[in-house]
């Protein structure tokens, strides 16, 4: 692509939009930028990009200015059926995302990871292993650092470890990873993708460009993901918690790869079968890049997890607070309630994503969850699912801060307050990270109130069903 001869419209001025704009400016392109939010931090971002050379477009001039643009760079937060990308496509113009822009400029090998759950943990594991092996690895993509902002840093001798979401896959066509990893596919983002067929198709697109000389690391235990082997030219390498496979698996309590034992699974610092599966996927990716067993074992045995994913953030009067704000769908929350040790009061709710919450309450009945506090925009949908399943140990409180307070006051000493929302955060927060940080702030606030005698201590009596 000859950037200096193209005019780009960057729509959406979040982290990816900023990175895309700056990358295009560095390549000599003419760049227009737009966001339908024009106040607060977005307005400040627009001013800063304007000072760097972007032409900032306002709502009233969007239609006219769009006709001057050759390519639309779409934020992952804007769906491809939004009127703006639809208008570009009808005009025969190209619609891409920031990740596609980065992929076009990438000159080094890449590992790309997708799946409904576990992407960030697995990418962080792989990146940690590569760094321990002395490789010039950069974790990027949906994990927080846009790929286009890493292209120069990576050069030709780097190794990109890319987290790829279904939103990014809508506008990604050029990425060709040496190793493509698909962790799992369960219901998520159906409010965006309409049905599971579309969602499954998007996840499979990660493998589209892989050739016979490349590898697809696939979850043998997930029937949907297992079927992806038939949709790619790449050589399948499996991982499984259930049985020996051509790849990574558990055997006699050990993580194994192709018949070799690496280290005992009990020495992985993270709880839960899902984290064992993530570790197996990371082992497969590392072995395909020639990393030695002892390096892999050392890196994984010292891995401490990622922020907002089953993270113990503190304790107040014998009640532990666990931040699992990253659990933005039902399957992720189910994994949390199954893996957290001891009894918990669960915080669940947020913005609806179009799936059923009933499986969550099936799982809760067989877990250590003793009470559920439901909050947020989708509170009544979740409550309806609970009641359909005959689960009545619930309290309904719409505001998040009140819900955290109620969960703490409901918990007994020795129990957990577990924030695992099974929902997006966008009803009240800009991201799951912001929601997790507010959870931490509430713990600090409750601690201060407790010191001044202004908050009731955890319940000593049995929790009543409501």
Protein backbone atom coordinates (compact mmCIF):
# COMPACT_ATOMS: atom_id res chain seq x y z
CA UNK A 1 0.00 0.00 0.00
CA UNK A 2 1.33 3.45 -0.95
CA UNK A 3 0.25 5.37 2.12
CA UNK A 4 1.25 8.79 0.84
CA UNK A 5 -1.25 8.46 -1.99
CA UNK A 6 -4.18 7.35 0.20
CA UNK A 7 -6.61 9.29 2.40
CA UNK A 8 -7.77 7.46 5.52
CA UNK A 9 -10.70 8.02 7.85
CA UNK A 10 -10.03 6.66 11.35
CA UNK A 11 -13.38 6.13 13.10
CA UNK A 12 -13.27 5.79 16.88
CA UNK A 13 -10.59 7.50 18.96
CA UNK A 14 -9.95 4.88 21.60
CA UNK A 15 -6.55 3.23 22.09
CA UNK A 16 -6.64 1.50 18.69
CA UNK A 17 -7.82 4.63 16.87
CA UNK A 18 -5.00 6.70 18.33
CA UNK A 19 -2.42 4.06 17.36
CA UNK A 20 -3.83 3.77 13.82
CA UNK A 21 -3.81 7.54 13.32
CA UNK A 22 -0.23 7.90 14.55
CA UNK A 23 0.96 4.96 12.43
CA UNK A 24 -0.64 6.35 9.28
CA UNK A 25 0.81 9.81 9.90
CA UNK A 26 4.26 8.25 10.32
CA UNK A 27 3.86 6.63 6.88
CA UNK A 28 2.98 9.95 5.23
CA UNK A 29 -0.75 9.33 4.80
CA UNK A 30 -3.45 11.97 4.89
CA UNK A 31 -5.57 11.15 7.92
CA UNK A 32 -9.05 12.27 8.94
CA UNK A 33 -10.27 11.18 12.37
CA UNK A 34 -13.75 11.04 13.86
CA UNK A 35 -15.57 9.95 16.99
CA UNK A 36 -19.27 10.51 17.64
CA UNK A 37 -18.38 11.39 21.24
CA UNK A 38 -17.00 14.93 21.25
CA UNK A 39 -16.48 15.72 24.91
CA UNK A 40 -14.11 14.80 27.75
CA UNK A 41 -11.08 12.66 26.99
CA UNK A 42 -12.18 12.00 23.40
CA UNK A 43 -12.17 15.72 22.63
CA UNK A 44 -8.71 16.01 24.17
CA UNK A 45 -7.49 13.08 22.06
CA UNK A 46 -8.92 14.69 18.93
CA UNK A 47 -7.09 17.93 19.71
CA UNK A 48 -3.81 16.09 20.24
CA UNK A 49 -4.18 14.18 16.98
CA UNK A 50 -5.06 17.42 15.22
CA UNK A 51 -1.83 18.96 16.47
CA UNK A 52 0.09 15.97 15.02
CA UNK A 53 -1.43 16.42 11.56
CA UNK A 54 -4.83 14.71 11.53
CA UNK A 55 -7.88 16.50 10.20
CA UNK A 56 -10.55 16.20 12.89
CA UNK A 57 -14.07 15.70 11.49
CA UNK A 58 -17.24 16.65 13.35
CA UNK A 59 -20.64 14.97 13.01
CA UNK A 60 -22.17 17.54 10.70
CA UNK A 61 -19.38 17.16 8.11
CA UNK A 62 -18.92 13.38 8.31
CA UNK A 63 -20.88 12.50 5.16
CA UNK A 64 -19.15 15.13 3.02
CA UNK A 65 -15.66 14.35 4.30
CA UNK A 66 -16.14 10.59 3.99
CA UNK A 67 -16.46 10.98 0.24
CA UNK A 68 -12.88 12.34 0.19
CA UNK A 69 -11.48 9.21 1.91
CA UNK A 70 -10.22 6.04 0.25
CA UNK A 71 -10.04 3.70 3.26
CA UNK A 72 -11.96 3.49 6.55
CA UNK A 73 -10.04 2.31 9.62
CA UNK A 74 -12.77 1.11 11.97
CA UNK A 75 -12.51 0.87 15.75
CA UNK A 76 -13.26 -2.64 17.13
CA UNK A 77 -16.04 -1.01 19.14
CA UNK A 78 -17.95 -0.07 15.95
CA UNK A 79 -19.75 -3.02 14.28
CA UNK A 80 -19.33 -3.64 10.56
CA UNK A 81 -23.08 -3.15 10.02
CA UNK A 82 -22.91 0.42 11.35
CA UNK A 83 -24.04 2.98 8.70
CA UNK A 84 -20.50 4.38 8.27
CA UNK A 85 -18.74 1.15 7.18
CA UNK A 86 -21.84 0.13 5.21
CA UNK A 87 -21.61 3.42 3.25
CA UNK A 88 -17.92 2.83 2.53
CA UNK A 89 -18.57 -0.71 1.30
CA UNK A 90 -21.44 0.43 -0.92
CA UNK A 91 -19.08 2.95 -2.46
CA UNK A 92 -16.61 0.16 -3.21
CA UNK A 93 -14.12 1.40 -0.63
CA UNK A 94 -12.00 -0.66 1.73
CA UNK A 95 -12.89 -1.08 5.43
CA UNK A 96 -10.11 -2.32 7.73
CA UNK A 97 -9.28 -2.30 11.44
CA UNK A 98 -6.20 -1.17 13.35
CA UNK A 99 -5.03 -4.79 13.67
CA UNK A 100 -5.23 -5.21 9.90
CA UNK A 101 -3.19 -2.03 9.52
CA UNK A 102 -0.55 -3.46 11.84
CA UNK A 103 -0.61 -6.83 10.06
CA UNK A 104 0.09 -5.12 6.73
CA UNK A 105 3.24 -3.57 8.18
CA UNK A 106 4.44 -6.60 10.16
CA UNK A 107 7.79 -8.08 9.08
CA UNK A 108 8.43 -10.62 11.85
CA UNK A 109 6.91 -13.99 12.84
CA UNK A 110 3.73 -13.95 14.91
CA UNK A 111 1.74 -16.10 17.27
CA UNK A 112 -1.94 -15.13 17.21
CA UNK A 113 -4.35 -16.26 19.92
CA UNK A 114 -8.14 -16.17 19.87
CA UNK A 115 -10.96 -17.87 21.74
CA UNK A 116 -13.91 -16.87 23.89
CA UNK A 117 -11.97 -17.09 27.15
CA UNK A 118 -8.34 -17.28 28.24
CA UNK A 119 -6.81 -15.15 25.47
CA UNK A 120 -5.06 -12.62 27.69
CA UNK A 121 -3.76 -15.25 30.11
CA UNK A 122 -2.42 -17.42 27.28
CA UNK A 123 -0.82 -14.50 25.42
CA UNK A 124 0.84 -13.38 28.65
CA UNK A 125 2.09 -16.92 29.29
CA UNK A 126 3.52 -17.24 25.77
CA UNK A 127 5.15 -13.81 25.92
CA UNK A 128 6.70 -14.65 29.29
CA UNK A 129 8.11 -17.93 27.98
CA UNK A 130 9.59 -16.24 24.91
CA UNK A 131 11.18 -13.50 27.02
CA UNK A 132 12.64 -16.14 29.34
CA UNK A 133 14.11 -17.80 26.23
CA UNK A 134 15.79 -14.54 25.24
CA UNK A 135 13.49 -13.76 22.34
CA UNK A 136 12.48 -10.19 21.39
CA UNK A 137 8.81 -10.80 22.15
CA UNK A 138 6.03 -8.21 22.34
CA UNK A 139 2.51 -8.97 23.61
CA UNK A 140 0.04 -6.85 21.66
CA UNK A 141 -3.36 -6.67 19.98
CA UNK A 142 -6.49 -6.91 22.08
CA UNK A 143 -4.36 -7.32 25.20
CA UNK A 144 -3.89 -3.54 25.28
CA UNK A 145 -0.89 -2.55 23.13
CA UNK A 146 -2.07 -2.03 19.53
CA UNK A 147 -0.12 -3.98 16.92
CA UNK A 148 0.41 -0.93 14.70
CA UNK A 149 2.23 0.82 17.55
CA UNK A 150 4.65 -2.16 17.84
CA UNK A 151 5.61 -2.66 14.19
CA UNK A 152 8.75 -0.51 14.34
CA UNK A 153 9.82 -1.99 17.70
CA UNK A 154 9.38 -5.54 16.40
CA UNK A 155 11.29 -4.99 13.18
CA UNK A 156 12.33 -8.17 11.41
CA UNK A 157 13.88 -9.96 14.37
CA UNK A 158 11.02 -9.58 16.84
CA UNK A 159 8.24 -11.99 17.70
CA UNK A 160 4.68 -10.66 17.93
CA UNK A 161 2.33 -12.43 20.35
CA UNK A 162 -1.07 -11.12 19.33
CA UNK A 163 -4.39 -11.41 21.15
CA UNK A 164 -7.20 -11.31 18.59
CA UNK A 165 -10.86 -10.67 19.47
CA UNK A 166 -13.92 -11.49 17.38
CA UNK A 167 -14.47 -7.73 16.92
CA UNK A 168 -11.00 -7.42 15.37
CA UNK A 169 -11.57 -10.48 13.20
CA UNK A 170 -14.46 -8.66 11.49
CA UNK A 171 -11.95 -6.41 9.70
CA UNK A 172 -8.82 -8.61 9.64
CA UNK A 173 -7.79 -10.28 6.37
CA UNK A 174 -3.99 -10.10 6.03
CA UNK A 175 -2.58 -11.59 9.24
CA UNK A 176 -0.69 -14.82 8.62
CA UNK A 177 0.65 -16.12 11.94
CA UNK A 178 3.29 -18.84 12.05
CA UNK A 179 1.29 -20.30 14.95
CA UNK A 180 -2.44 -19.65 15.28
CA UNK A 181 -4.00 -20.67 18.63
CA UNK A 182 -7.74 -21.19 19.16
CA UNK A 183 -8.55 -21.84 22.81
CA UNK A 184 -12.32 -22.40 22.92
CA UNK A 185 -15.61 -21.15 21.47
CA UNK A 186 -18.64 -20.59 23.70
CA UNK A 187 -21.52 -18.11 23.60
CA UNK A 188 -20.39 -14.49 23.68
CA UNK A 189 -21.09 -11.17 21.92
CA UNK A 190 -24.34 -12.46 20.38
CA UNK A 191 -25.74 -8.92 20.64
CA UNK A 192 -23.02 -7.98 18.12
CA UNK A 193 -22.70 -11.10 15.95
CA UNK A 194 -26.41 -12.09 16.04
CA UNK A 195 -25.95 -15.87 16.25
CA UNK A 196 -23.41 -18.57 17.09
CA UNK A 197 -22.85 -19.44 13.44
CA UNK A 198 -21.50 -15.97 12.71
CA UNK A 199 -19.41 -15.98 15.89
CA UNK A 200 -17.89 -19.40 15.10
CA UNK A 201 -17.13 -18.29 11.55
CA UNK A 202 -15.30 -15.21 12.79
CA UNK A 203 -13.16 -17.25 15.18
CA UNK A 204 -12.21 -19.64 12.36
CA UNK A 205 -11.01 -16.70 10.22
CA UNK A 206 -7.80 -16.53 12.24
CA UNK A 207 -6.71 -19.69 10.39
CA UNK A 208 -7.72 -18.48 6.95
CA UNK A 209 -4.29 -17.40 5.69
CA UNK A 210 -2.20 -20.15 7.29
CA UNK A 211 -0.25 -22.33 4.85
CA UNK A 212 1.04 -25.90 5.08
CA UNK A 213 4.29 -24.66 6.66
CA UNK A 214 2.41 -23.09 9.59
CA UNK A 215 0.63 -24.47 12.65
CA UNK A 216 -2.84 -24.36 14.16
CA UNK A 217 -2.81 -25.05 17.92
CA UNK A 218 -6.35 -26.26 18.64
CA UNK A 219 -8.30 -27.39 21.71
CA UNK A 220 -9.08 -31.05 21.13
CA UNK A 221 -11.61 -31.02 23.99
CA UNK A 222 -13.79 -28.36 22.31
CA UNK A 223 -15.84 -29.94 19.48
CA UNK A 224 -16.21 -26.61 17.66
CA UNK A 225 -12.50 -25.85 17.77
CA UNK A 226 -11.60 -29.43 16.83
CA UNK A 227 -13.61 -28.93 13.66
CA UNK A 228 -11.44 -25.95 12.68
CA UNK A 229 -8.70 -28.39 11.63
CA UNK A 230 -10.76 -29.08 8.53
CA UNK A 231 -10.88 -25.37 7.64
CA UNK A 232 -7.17 -24.64 7.42
CA UNK A 233 -4.11 -25.75 5.49
CA UNK A 234 -1.99 -25.38 8.63
CA UNK A 235 -0.78 -28.48 10.45
CA UNK A 236 -2.96 -29.08 13.54
CA UNK A 237 -1.21 -29.40 16.90
CA UNK A 238 -3.64 -30.32 19.66
CA UNK A 239 -3.89 -29.67 23.37
CA UNK A 240 -6.15 -31.64 25.70
CA UNK A 241 -6.92 -32.08 29.38
CA UNK A 242 -8.64 -35.39 28.70
CA UNK A 243 -6.37 -37.61 26.63
CA UNK A 244 -2.93 -37.90 25.01
CA UNK A 245 -2.85 -36.07 21.67
CA UNK A 246 -0.32 -35.02 19.06
CA UNK A 247 0.68 -31.94 21.02
CA UNK A 248 0.22 -30.93 24.67
CA UNK A 249 -1.70 -32.91 27.27
CA UNK A 250 -1.87 -33.98 30.92
CA UNK A 251 -0.59 -37.40 31.93
CA UNK A 252 0.01 -38.79 35.43
CA UNK A 253 -0.25 -35.29 36.84
CA UNK A 254 2.35 -33.81 34.44
CA UNK A 255 2.20 -31.31 31.61
CA UNK A 256 3.44 -33.24 28.58
CA UNK A 257 4.29 -32.44 24.96
CA UNK A 258 4.68 -35.11 22.30
CA UNK A 259 5.54 -37.80 24.86
CA UNK A 260 7.89 -35.63 26.94
CA UNK A 261 7.09 -34.69 30.55
CA UNK A 262 7.74 -31.03 31.32
CA UNK A 263 6.71 -30.42 34.95
CA UNK A 264 3.95 -31.37 37.45
CA UNK A 265 0.63 -29.63 36.80
CA UNK A 266 0.33 -28.96 40.54
CA UNK A 267 3.27 -26.57 40.25
CA UNK A 268 1.33 -24.17 38.00
CA UNK A 269 0.50 -21.27 40.36
CA UNK A 270 -3.00 -20.72 38.92
CA UNK A 271 -6.06 -22.71 39.98
CA UNK A 272 -8.64 -24.23 37.66
CA UNK A 273 -8.74 -26.59 34.70
CA UNK A 274 -9.13 -23.64 32.34
CA UNK A 275 -5.70 -22.34 33.37
CA UNK A 276 -4.19 -25.80 32.84
CA UNK A 277 -5.65 -25.69 29.31
CA UNK A 278 -4.20 -22.21 28.76
CA UNK A 279 -0.80 -23.48 29.91
CA UNK A 280 -0.98 -26.42 27.48
CA UNK A 281 -1.74 -24.05 24.60
CA UNK A 282 1.22 -21.89 25.61
CA UNK A 283 3.47 -24.96 25.82
CA UNK A 284 2.48 -25.96 22.29
CA UNK A 285 3.21 -22.50 20.89
CA UNK A 286 6.57 -22.30 22.67
CA UNK A 287 7.68 -25.77 21.53
CA UNK A 288 6.80 -24.91 17.92
CA UNK A 289 9.26 -22.02 18.22
CA UNK A 290 11.95 -24.30 19.60
CA UNK A 291 11.92 -23.24 23.25
CA UNK A 292 13.54 -25.74 25.62
CA UNK A 293 11.46 -27.64 28.19
CA UNK A 294 13.29 -26.23 31.21
CA UNK A 295 12.72 -22.64 30.05
CA UNK A 296 8.99 -23.30 29.54
CA UNK A 297 8.69 -24.97 32.94
CA UNK A 298 10.52 -22.17 34.74
CA UNK A 299 8.42 -19.45 33.13
CA UNK A 300 5.08 -21.15 33.82
CA UNK A 301 5.95 -22.12 37.40
CA UNK A 302 6.57 -18.44 38.19
CA UNK A 303 3.53 -17.10 36.29
CA UNK A 304 1.23 -15.07 38.54
CA UNK A 305 -1.74 -14.43 36.28
CA UNK A 306 -3.13 -11.24 34.78
CA UNK A 307 -4.90 -8.28 36.29
CA UNK A 308 -8.68 -8.59 36.83
CA UNK A 309 -8.65 -12.36 36.27
CA UNK A 310 -9.29 -14.21 39.55
CA UNK A 311 -6.99 -11.73 41.29
CA UNK A 312 -7.09 -11.64 45.09
CA UNK A 313 -6.87 -7.93 45.81
CA UNK A 314 -7.19 -7.88 49.60
CA UNK A 315 -9.06 -8.87 52.71
CA UNK A 316 -11.33 -7.08 55.18
CA UNK A 317 -12.38 -8.69 58.48
CA UNK A 318 -11.59 -12.15 57.19
CA UNK A 319 -13.46 -11.67 53.88
CA UNK A 320 -11.28 -12.03 50.77
CA UNK A 321 -12.02 -9.84 47.73
CA UNK A 322 -11.41 -11.50 44.35
CA UNK A 323 -11.42 -9.39 41.18
CA UNK A 324 -12.55 -11.39 38.15
CA UNK A 325 -13.90 -8.39 36.24
CA UNK A 326 -12.46 -9.88 33.06
CA UNK A 327 -15.17 -12.57 33.21
CA UNK A 328 -17.43 -10.79 30.72
CA UNK A 329 -19.42 -13.85 29.65
CA UNK A 330 -21.20 -16.78 31.27
CA UNK A 331 -18.62 -19.43 30.42
CA UNK A 332 -15.84 -17.40 32.03
CA UNK A 333 -17.89 -16.83 35.18
CA UNK A 334 -18.69 -20.56 35.36
CA UNK A 335 -14.97 -21.33 35.26
CA UNK A 336 -14.45 -18.84 38.10
CA UNK A 337 -17.09 -20.25 40.45
CA UNK A 338 -15.78 -23.76 39.82
CA UNK A 339 -12.16 -22.88 40.52
CA UNK A 340 -12.31 -20.44 43.46
CA UNK A 341 -11.58 -22.20 46.73
CA UNK A 342 -13.96 -21.87 49.66
CA UNK A 343 -17.39 -20.26 49.87
CA UNK A 344 -18.19 -17.04 48.03
CA UNK A 345 -20.74 -14.28 47.66
CA UNK A 346 -20.87 -13.68 43.91
CA UNK A 347 -21.29 -10.28 42.23
CA UNK A 348 -22.83 -10.63 38.76
CA UNK A 349 -24.27 -8.15 36.25
CA UNK A 350 -23.54 -5.34 33.80
CA UNK A 351 -24.44 -4.87 30.15
CA UNK A 352 -26.28 -7.70 28.41
CA UNK A 353 -24.57 -9.52 25.51
CA UNK A 354 -27.48 -11.57 24.23
CA UNK A 355 -27.00 -15.04 25.75
CA UNK A 356 -28.73 -17.10 28.45
CA UNK A 357 -27.64 -16.81 32.10
CA UNK A 358 -29.33 -20.06 33.14
CA UNK A 359 -26.16 -22.21 32.75
CA UNK A 360 -24.46 -19.96 35.30
CA UNK A 361 -27.02 -20.83 37.96
CA UNK A 362 -26.73 -24.54 37.12
CA UNK A 363 -23.02 -24.18 37.89
CA UNK A 364 -23.60 -22.09 41.01
CA UNK A 365 -25.73 -24.84 42.57
CA UNK A 366 -22.72 -27.17 42.49
CA UNK A 367 -20.13 -24.61 43.59
CA UNK A 368 -19.02 -22.76 46.69
CA UNK A 369 -21.26 -19.77 45.91
CA UNK A 370 -23.60 -19.27 48.88
CA UNK A 371 -25.29 -16.05 47.75
CA UNK A 372 -25.45 -13.95 44.58
CA UNK A 373 -25.75 -10.16 44.44
CA UNK A 374 -27.14 -9.07 41.07
CA UNK A 375 -26.59 -5.53 39.78
CA UNK A 376 -26.41 -3.53 36.56
CA UNK A 377 -28.43 -2.90 33.43
CA UNK A 378 -29.22 -6.59 32.89
CA UNK A 379 -30.11 -7.29 36.55
CA UNK A 380 -33.71 -8.34 35.87
CA UNK A 381 -32.70 -10.70 33.05
CA UNK A 382 -30.21 -12.38 35.36
CA UNK A 383 -32.76 -12.51 38.18
CA UNK A 384 -35.25 -14.16 35.83
CA UNK A 385 -32.67 -16.81 34.92
CA UNK A 386 -31.96 -17.46 38.61
CA UNK A 387 -35.63 -17.91 39.43
CA UNK A 388 -36.19 -20.20 36.44
CA UNK A 389 -33.50 -22.44 37.90
CA UNK A 390 -35.03 -22.29 41.37
CA UNK A 391 -32.09 -20.32 42.77
CA UNK A 392 -33.34 -17.83 45.35
CA UNK A 393 -30.23 -16.94 47.39
CA UNK A 394 -30.11 -13.57 45.64
CA UNK A 395 -30.13 -9.86 46.36
CA UNK A 396 -30.93 -7.34 43.63
CA UNK A 397 -29.15 -3.96 43.72
CA UNK A 398 -28.76 -2.01 40.50
CA UNK A 399 -25.82 0.37 41.32
CA UNK A 400 -22.39 -1.28 41.35
CA UNK A 401 -21.10 0.45 44.48
CA UNK A 402 -24.16 -0.57 46.47
CA UNK A 403 -23.84 -4.14 45.22
CA UNK A 404 -20.23 -4.39 46.41
CA UNK A 405 -21.23 -3.03 49.81
CA UNK A 406 -24.12 -5.50 50.09
CA UNK A 407 -21.90 -8.41 49.05
CA UNK A 408 -19.40 -7.54 51.77
CA UNK A 409 -22.10 -7.19 54.42
CA UNK A 410 -23.59 -10.52 53.33
CA UNK A 411 -20.34 -12.48 53.46
CA UNK A 412 -19.22 -14.41 56.52
CA UNK A 413 -15.70 -14.36 57.81
CA UNK A 414 -13.65 -16.88 55.85
CA UNK A 415 -15.71 -16.40 52.68
CA UNK A 416 -14.93 -14.47 49.48
CA UNK A 417 -16.57 -11.59 47.71
CA UNK A 418 -16.12 -12.69 44.09
CA UNK A 419 -16.66 -10.17 41.30
CA UNK A 420 -17.22 -12.37 38.23
CA UNK A 421 -19.88 -10.42 36.32
CA UNK A 422 -20.68 -12.69 33.32
CA UNK A 423 -21.47 -9.43 31.52
CA UNK A 424 -19.85 -6.55 29.70
CA UNK A 425 -18.98 -3.44 31.71
CA UNK A 426 -20.30 -0.79 29.35
CA UNK A 427 -23.51 -0.03 31.25
CA UNK A 428 -21.51 1.92 33.86
CA UNK A 429 -17.80 1.70 32.96
CA UNK A 430 -15.56 2.26 29.97
CA UNK A 431 -13.93 -1.16 30.30
CA UNK A 432 -13.70 -4.24 32.48
CA UNK A 433 -10.41 -2.78 33.76
CA UNK A 434 -12.20 0.31 35.05
CA UNK A 435 -14.84 -1.90 36.69
CA UNK A 436 -12.09 -3.92 38.39
CA UNK A 437 -10.36 -0.77 39.60
CA UNK A 438 -13.64 0.49 41.07
CA UNK A 439 -13.98 -2.83 42.90
CA UNK A 440 -10.53 -2.25 44.41
CA UNK A 441 -11.51 1.32 45.33
CA UNK A 442 -14.62 0.03 47.08
CA UNK A 443 -12.49 -2.32 49.16
CA UNK A 444 -10.35 0.64 50.21
CA UNK A 445 -13.44 2.71 51.00
CA UNK A 446 -14.99 -0.08 53.07
CA UNK A 447 -11.69 -0.49 54.92
CA UNK A 448 -11.60 3.20 55.78
CA UNK A 449 -15.22 3.11 56.93
CA UNK A 450 -14.51 0.09 59.06
CA UNK A 451 -11.63 1.90 60.78
CA UNK A 452 -13.97 4.77 61.63
CA UNK A 453 -16.75 2.42 62.79
CA UNK A 454 -19.03 3.32 59.90
CA UNK A 455 -19.61 -0.09 58.34
CA UNK A 456 -21.16 -3.23 59.77
CA UNK A 457 -18.75 -6.23 60.01
CA UNK A 458 -19.36 -9.41 57.99
CA UNK A 459 -22.39 -11.43 58.97
CA UNK A 460 -21.92 -14.09 61.63
CA UNK A 461 -25.42 -15.53 61.13
CA UNK A 462 -26.53 -17.78 58.30
CA UNK A 463 -27.36 -16.02 55.04
CA UNK A 464 -31.11 -15.93 54.48
CA UNK A 465 -32.52 -16.81 51.10
CA UNK A 466 -34.53 -14.11 49.35
